[in-house]
Protein backbone atom coordinates (compact mmCIF):
# COMPACT_ATOMS: atom_id res chain seq x y z
CA MET A 1 -15.65 -11.59 -0.07
CA VAL A 2 -13.95 -14.36 1.91
CA LYS A 3 -15.16 -17.01 -0.54
CA ILE A 4 -14.02 -14.94 -3.54
CA GLU A 5 -10.52 -14.45 -2.10
CA GLN A 6 -10.22 -18.09 -1.12
CA THR A 7 -11.28 -19.20 -4.61
CA ARG A 8 -8.82 -16.79 -6.22
CA ARG A 9 -6.03 -18.01 -3.98
CA HIS A 10 -6.85 -21.63 -4.76
CA LYS A 11 -6.60 -20.93 -8.50
CA GLU A 12 -3.17 -19.38 -7.95
CA LEU A 13 -2.00 -22.44 -6.00
CA VAL A 14 -3.22 -24.76 -8.76
CA GLU A 15 -1.40 -22.65 -11.39
CA GLU A 16 1.83 -22.83 -9.39
CA TRP A 17 1.36 -26.58 -8.90
CA ARG A 18 1.03 -27.03 -12.68
CA ASP A 19 3.98 -24.72 -13.41
CA ASN A 20 6.11 -26.91 -11.13
CA GLY A 21 5.28 -30.04 -13.13
CA ALA A 22 2.30 -31.16 -11.04
CA LEU A 23 4.60 -32.56 -8.39
CA GLY A 24 2.96 -33.68 -5.17
CA PRO A 25 -0.75 -33.59 -4.38
CA LYS A 26 -2.95 -31.07 -6.16
CA PRO A 27 -3.97 -28.18 -3.84
CA GLU A 28 -7.38 -28.76 -2.32
CA ALA A 29 -10.27 -26.36 -2.71
CA PRO A 30 -10.78 -24.16 0.38
CA ASN A 31 -13.44 -24.74 3.00
CA VAL A 32 -15.40 -21.53 3.41
CA ALA A 33 -15.99 -20.52 7.02
CA ASN A 34 -19.70 -20.59 7.80
CA SER A 35 -19.76 -19.11 11.29
CA ALA A 36 -21.06 -15.59 11.85
CA SER A 37 -18.03 -14.60 13.90
CA TYR A 38 -14.38 -15.50 13.37
CA THR A 39 -11.91 -16.47 16.07
CA ASN A 40 -8.94 -14.35 17.13
CA ALA A 41 -6.62 -16.85 15.48
CA LYS A 42 -8.34 -16.42 12.12
CA THR A 43 -8.35 -12.67 12.51
CA ALA A 44 -4.63 -12.78 13.24
CA ALA A 45 -4.13 -14.86 10.10
CA THR A 46 -5.87 -12.17 8.07
CA ILE A 47 -3.51 -9.52 9.39
CA ALA A 48 -0.57 -11.71 8.43
CA GLU A 49 -2.09 -12.13 4.97
CA LEU A 50 -2.32 -8.38 4.57
CA VAL A 51 1.23 -7.81 5.72
CA GLU A 52 2.74 -10.49 3.50
CA HIS A 53 0.08 -10.04 0.83
CA TRP A 54 -1.55 -13.44 0.67
CA GLU A 55 1.62 -15.51 0.81
CA GLY A 56 2.51 -18.29 3.23
CA ILE A 57 -0.86 -18.43 4.97
CA SER A 58 -3.09 -21.49 5.24
CA LYS A 59 -5.81 -21.17 2.63
CA ASN A 60 -8.72 -21.70 5.05
CA LEU A 61 -7.88 -18.85 7.44
CA SER A 62 -9.47 -15.53 6.64
CA CYS A 63 -12.08 -13.02 7.75
CA THR A 64 -13.62 -9.74 6.63
CA ILE A 65 -13.85 -6.16 7.85
CA ARG A 66 -17.37 -7.03 9.05
CA ASP A 67 -15.74 -8.86 11.94
CA PRO A 68 -16.20 -6.68 15.07
CA ILE A 69 -12.56 -7.23 16.09
CA VAL A 70 -11.33 -6.00 12.73
CA GLN A 71 -13.71 -3.04 12.80
CA GLY A 72 -12.28 -2.07 16.18
CA TRP A 73 -8.74 -2.17 14.81
CA ILE A 74 -9.68 0.00 11.84
CA ARG A 75 -11.30 2.55 14.16
CA ASN A 76 -8.41 2.46 16.62
CA PRO A 77 -5.25 1.23 14.85
CA LEU A 78 -3.07 2.05 17.87
CA SER A 79 -4.94 -0.18 20.33
CA GLY A 80 -2.78 -2.29 22.62
CA ASP A 81 -3.99 -5.70 21.42
CA PHE A 82 -3.52 -4.73 17.76
CA THR A 83 -0.02 -3.42 18.45
CA THR A 84 0.94 -6.59 20.34
CA LEU A 85 -0.35 -8.75 17.50
CA LEU A 86 1.54 -6.78 14.85
CA ASP A 87 4.74 -6.81 16.91
CA ARG A 88 4.71 -10.59 16.52
CA LEU A 89 3.44 -10.86 12.95
CA THR A 90 5.64 -8.18 11.35
CA ALA A 91 8.93 -9.01 13.08
CA ASN A 92 10.44 -10.25 9.79
CA CYS A 93 8.24 -8.44 7.29
CA ALA A 94 10.37 -7.53 4.27
CA LYS A 95 7.86 -5.00 2.96
CA LEU A 96 7.89 -3.15 6.25
CA ALA A 97 11.68 -3.08 6.24
CA GLU A 98 11.74 -1.59 2.73
CA THR A 99 9.10 0.97 3.68
CA LEU A 100 11.11 2.14 6.69
CA LYS A 101 14.25 2.32 4.55
CA LEU A 102 12.51 4.63 2.08
CA CYS A 103 11.06 6.73 4.92
CA GLU A 104 14.55 7.19 6.37
CA LYS A 105 15.70 8.48 2.97
CA VAL A 106 12.78 10.90 2.68
CA GLN A 107 13.23 12.13 6.25
CA GLN A 108 16.78 13.25 5.47
CA GLU A 109 16.05 14.98 2.15
CA LYS A 110 15.16 18.54 1.29
CA ARG A 111 13.12 19.81 -1.63
CA LEU A 112 14.47 22.34 -4.11
CA ASP A 113 12.82 25.17 -2.18
CA GLY A 114 14.60 24.15 1.03
CA THR A 115 11.56 22.62 2.74
CA ARG A 116 11.55 19.00 3.86
CA ALA A 117 10.67 16.17 1.49
CA LYS A 118 7.34 14.45 2.12
CA ILE A 119 5.85 11.06 1.29
CA THR A 120 2.43 9.48 0.88
CA ILE A 121 1.92 5.77 1.54
CA ALA A 122 -1.13 4.01 0.07
CA THR A 123 -2.79 0.65 0.68
CA ARG A 124 -5.77 -0.98 -1.01
CA SER A 125 -7.81 -1.83 2.08
CA PRO A 126 -8.70 0.00 5.32
CA LEU A 127 -7.39 -2.92 7.38
CA ALA A 128 -4.02 -2.83 5.65
CA LEU A 129 -3.94 0.93 6.23
CA ALA A 130 -4.48 0.32 9.95
CA CYS A 131 -1.60 -2.19 9.93
CA TRP A 132 0.88 0.11 8.23
CA TYR A 133 -0.15 3.17 10.24
CA ASN A 134 0.39 1.22 13.46
CA ARG A 135 3.84 0.10 12.33
CA LEU A 136 5.04 3.56 11.27
CA VAL A 137 3.82 5.14 14.48
CA GLN A 138 6.01 2.65 16.38
CA LYS A 139 8.99 4.08 14.48
CA TYR A 140 8.02 7.76 14.27
CA ASP A 141 6.01 10.04 16.51
CA SER A 142 2.31 9.95 15.59
CA LYS A 143 2.41 13.75 15.35
CA GLN A 144 4.54 13.35 12.22
CA ILE A 145 2.06 11.09 10.42
CA LEU A 146 -1.31 12.04 8.95
CA LEU A 147 -3.95 9.32 8.59
CA TYR A 148 -6.40 9.94 5.75
CA LYS A 149 -9.27 7.52 6.32
CA ALA A 150 -11.99 6.75 3.80
CA GLY A 151 -15.17 8.71 4.47
CA ALA A 152 -13.43 11.84 5.73
CA THR A 153 -15.73 14.87 5.79
CA PRO A 154 -14.95 17.93 3.62
CA ASN A 155 -13.72 19.79 6.72
CA GLU A 156 -11.48 16.86 7.71
CA ARG A 157 -10.05 16.68 4.18
CA LYS A 158 -9.39 20.42 4.23
CA LYS A 159 -7.59 20.13 7.57
CA LEU A 160 -5.50 17.18 6.35
CA GLN A 161 -4.59 19.07 3.18
CA SER A 162 -3.61 22.16 5.16
CA ASP A 163 -1.55 20.21 7.69
CA PHE A 164 0.30 18.30 4.98
CA ASP A 165 0.97 21.43 2.93
CA ASP A 166 1.94 23.86 5.67
CA ASP A 167 3.17 21.93 8.72
CA GLU A 168 6.83 20.95 8.33
CA SER A 169 6.57 18.47 11.20
CA LYS A 170 4.01 16.35 9.29
CA TRP A 171 5.90 14.64 6.48
CA VAL A 172 4.01 11.34 6.03
CA MET A 173 0.44 10.95 4.83
CA MET A 174 -1.10 7.47 4.88
CA CYS A 175 -4.24 6.63 2.93
CA THR A 176 -6.16 4.00 1.05
CA LEU A 177 -5.77 4.12 -2.70
CA HIS A 178 -9.42 4.92 -3.40
CA SER A 179 -9.78 7.53 -0.65
CA VAL A 180 -7.03 9.69 -2.08
CA MET A 181 -7.19 9.10 -5.84
CA THR A 182 -9.76 11.77 -6.67
CA SER A 183 -10.36 13.81 -3.54
CA ILE A 184 -7.11 15.52 -2.57
CA ASN A 185 -4.08 17.11 -4.21
CA LEU A 186 -0.68 16.18 -2.87
CA GLN A 187 1.75 18.60 -4.50
CA ARG A 188 3.77 18.82 -1.29
CA ALA A 189 4.70 15.16 -1.66
CA ASN A 190 7.61 14.27 -3.88
CA TYR A 191 7.62 10.59 -2.88
CA ASN A 192 4.69 8.20 -3.15
CA LEU A 193 4.68 4.55 -2.14
CA MET A 194 2.13 1.83 -2.88
CA VAL A 195 2.61 -1.08 -0.49
CA GLU A 196 -0.31 -2.99 -2.03
CA PRO A 197 0.04 -2.63 -5.81
CA SER A 198 -3.14 -2.48 -7.86
CA HIS A 199 -3.43 -4.64 -10.96
CA LYS A 200 -5.01 -1.65 -12.72
CA MET A 201 -2.40 0.66 -14.20
CA SER A 202 -4.95 3.48 -14.36
CA GLU A 203 -5.29 3.38 -10.55
CA ILE A 204 -1.52 3.48 -10.07
CA GLN A 205 -1.21 6.47 -12.37
CA GLN A 206 -4.14 8.29 -10.78
CA TYR A 207 -2.61 7.92 -7.35
CA PHE A 208 0.84 9.10 -8.41
CA HIS A 209 -0.64 12.01 -10.35
CA ARG A 210 -2.18 13.46 -7.19
CA SER A 211 1.27 14.92 -6.51
CA ASP A 212 2.53 15.35 -10.09
CA ARG A 213 0.26 18.25 -11.04
CA ARG A 214 0.12 22.05 -11.18
CA GLY A 215 1.67 23.48 -8.03
CA GLN A 216 4.35 20.80 -7.74
CA THR A 217 7.75 22.52 -7.62
CA GLU A 218 9.96 19.43 -7.81
CA LYS A 219 11.19 18.43 -11.26
CA ILE A 220 10.84 14.73 -10.48
CA VAL A 221 8.16 13.08 -8.36
CA HIS A 222 9.01 9.52 -7.34
CA GLY A 223 6.43 6.74 -7.47
CA TYR A 224 7.41 3.44 -5.84
CA LEU A 225 5.60 0.10 -5.82
CA LEU A 226 6.54 -2.65 -3.38
CA ILE A 227 6.53 -6.02 -5.14
CA ASN A 228 6.83 -9.30 -3.24
CA SER A 229 8.45 -11.75 -5.66
CA CYS A 230 7.06 -14.62 -3.56
CA SER A 231 3.54 -13.49 -4.41
CA SER A 232 2.26 -15.02 -7.64
CA LEU A 233 -0.30 -12.20 -7.95
CA GLU A 234 2.30 -9.43 -7.64
CA ARG A 235 4.74 -11.36 -9.82
CA ARG A 236 2.19 -11.49 -12.64
CA MET A 237 1.54 -7.78 -12.24
CA LEU A 238 5.25 -7.05 -12.50
CA ARG A 239 5.44 -9.11 -15.71
CA SER A 240 2.45 -7.39 -17.31
CA MET A 241 3.13 -5.45 -20.50
CA ASP A 242 1.46 -2.26 -19.26
CA PHE A 243 3.55 -2.19 -16.13
CA SER A 244 6.78 -2.96 -18.00
CA GLU A 245 6.10 -0.10 -20.39
CA LEU A 246 5.41 2.18 -17.45
CA LEU A 247 8.76 1.36 -15.89
CA ASP A 248 10.60 1.69 -19.19
CA GLU A 249 9.11 5.12 -19.76
CA GLN A 250 10.33 6.29 -16.33
CA VAL A 251 9.53 9.97 -16.90
CA TYR A 252 6.72 11.32 -19.05
CA LYS A 253 8.45 12.65 -22.14
CA VAL A 254 5.47 13.77 -24.18
CA LYS A 255 2.57 15.92 -23.08
CA ASP A 256 -0.05 17.14 -25.55
CA GLY A 257 2.26 16.14 -28.40
CA VAL A 258 5.13 18.27 -27.13
CA LYS A 259 8.29 17.01 -25.47
CA SER A 260 8.25 18.11 -21.87
CA LYS A 261 11.33 19.58 -20.19
CA GLY A 262 9.48 20.16 -16.95
CA ARG A 263 8.52 17.88 -14.14
CA GLY A 264 7.53 14.24 -14.47
CA THR A 265 6.94 11.09 -12.47
CA LYS A 266 9.69 8.52 -12.11
CA TYR A 267 8.36 5.03 -11.47
CA ASP A 268 10.37 2.39 -9.63
CA ALA A 269 9.49 -1.11 -8.48
CA ILE A 270 11.12 -2.27 -5.25
CA VAL A 271 11.20 -6.02 -5.73
CA ILE A 272 11.56 -8.12 -2.59
CA THR A 273 13.10 -11.52 -3.24
């Protein structure tokens, strides 16, 4: 996985180098780490990559979730060493700032039935989920945030569903994209945020549709994607035709050939420049 990501990143750097008129030296191919265990410095670099989504990090610093340090952070995202590391690495994270801004908005809102608004926040990887969960717990009490980890048992999923649906104090659910796409309904959420956008439009729609389904009482369910304009990968996704059409559509107007006057999903991209 490390080699694949490094190769992909190198191709992006070469593309940017060519787009800029091939000025300066051509980016070098990465050196793949061959040691069985990675150092703390390289692990820290991986966290920074996840937070800033592959931008601004030296191309030869990376590691995988097989690393025992990373596994420990995924199991215990509120550990002291992980928190200290993220305090330093996320001090100026624009994506985190935008996420907290949206959470503040949701925290103040009420649904049409008078109950509080709720939000789900999704990442692609378990390590990124650990990062974002740690950061939100620093801002809000952990009792307000539900953490839906991959591999949850049926009983755990049932408890998470019940808590999110019925407990007014729990208004944030955090999850990986794949853990939540097909296994849980989220009609109590009227805001959904992807902090790590997928390049597959079908995955984006599946995630947002977990809350825009039968039982949802809000007329509009909001789906937000955080886009880092400094990321060539996310920039290309934003420019893709499928995504542009999705944004232009805004609210589903046709369902089964009939114009819908009911609820729909409104898609917005929060672009960080």
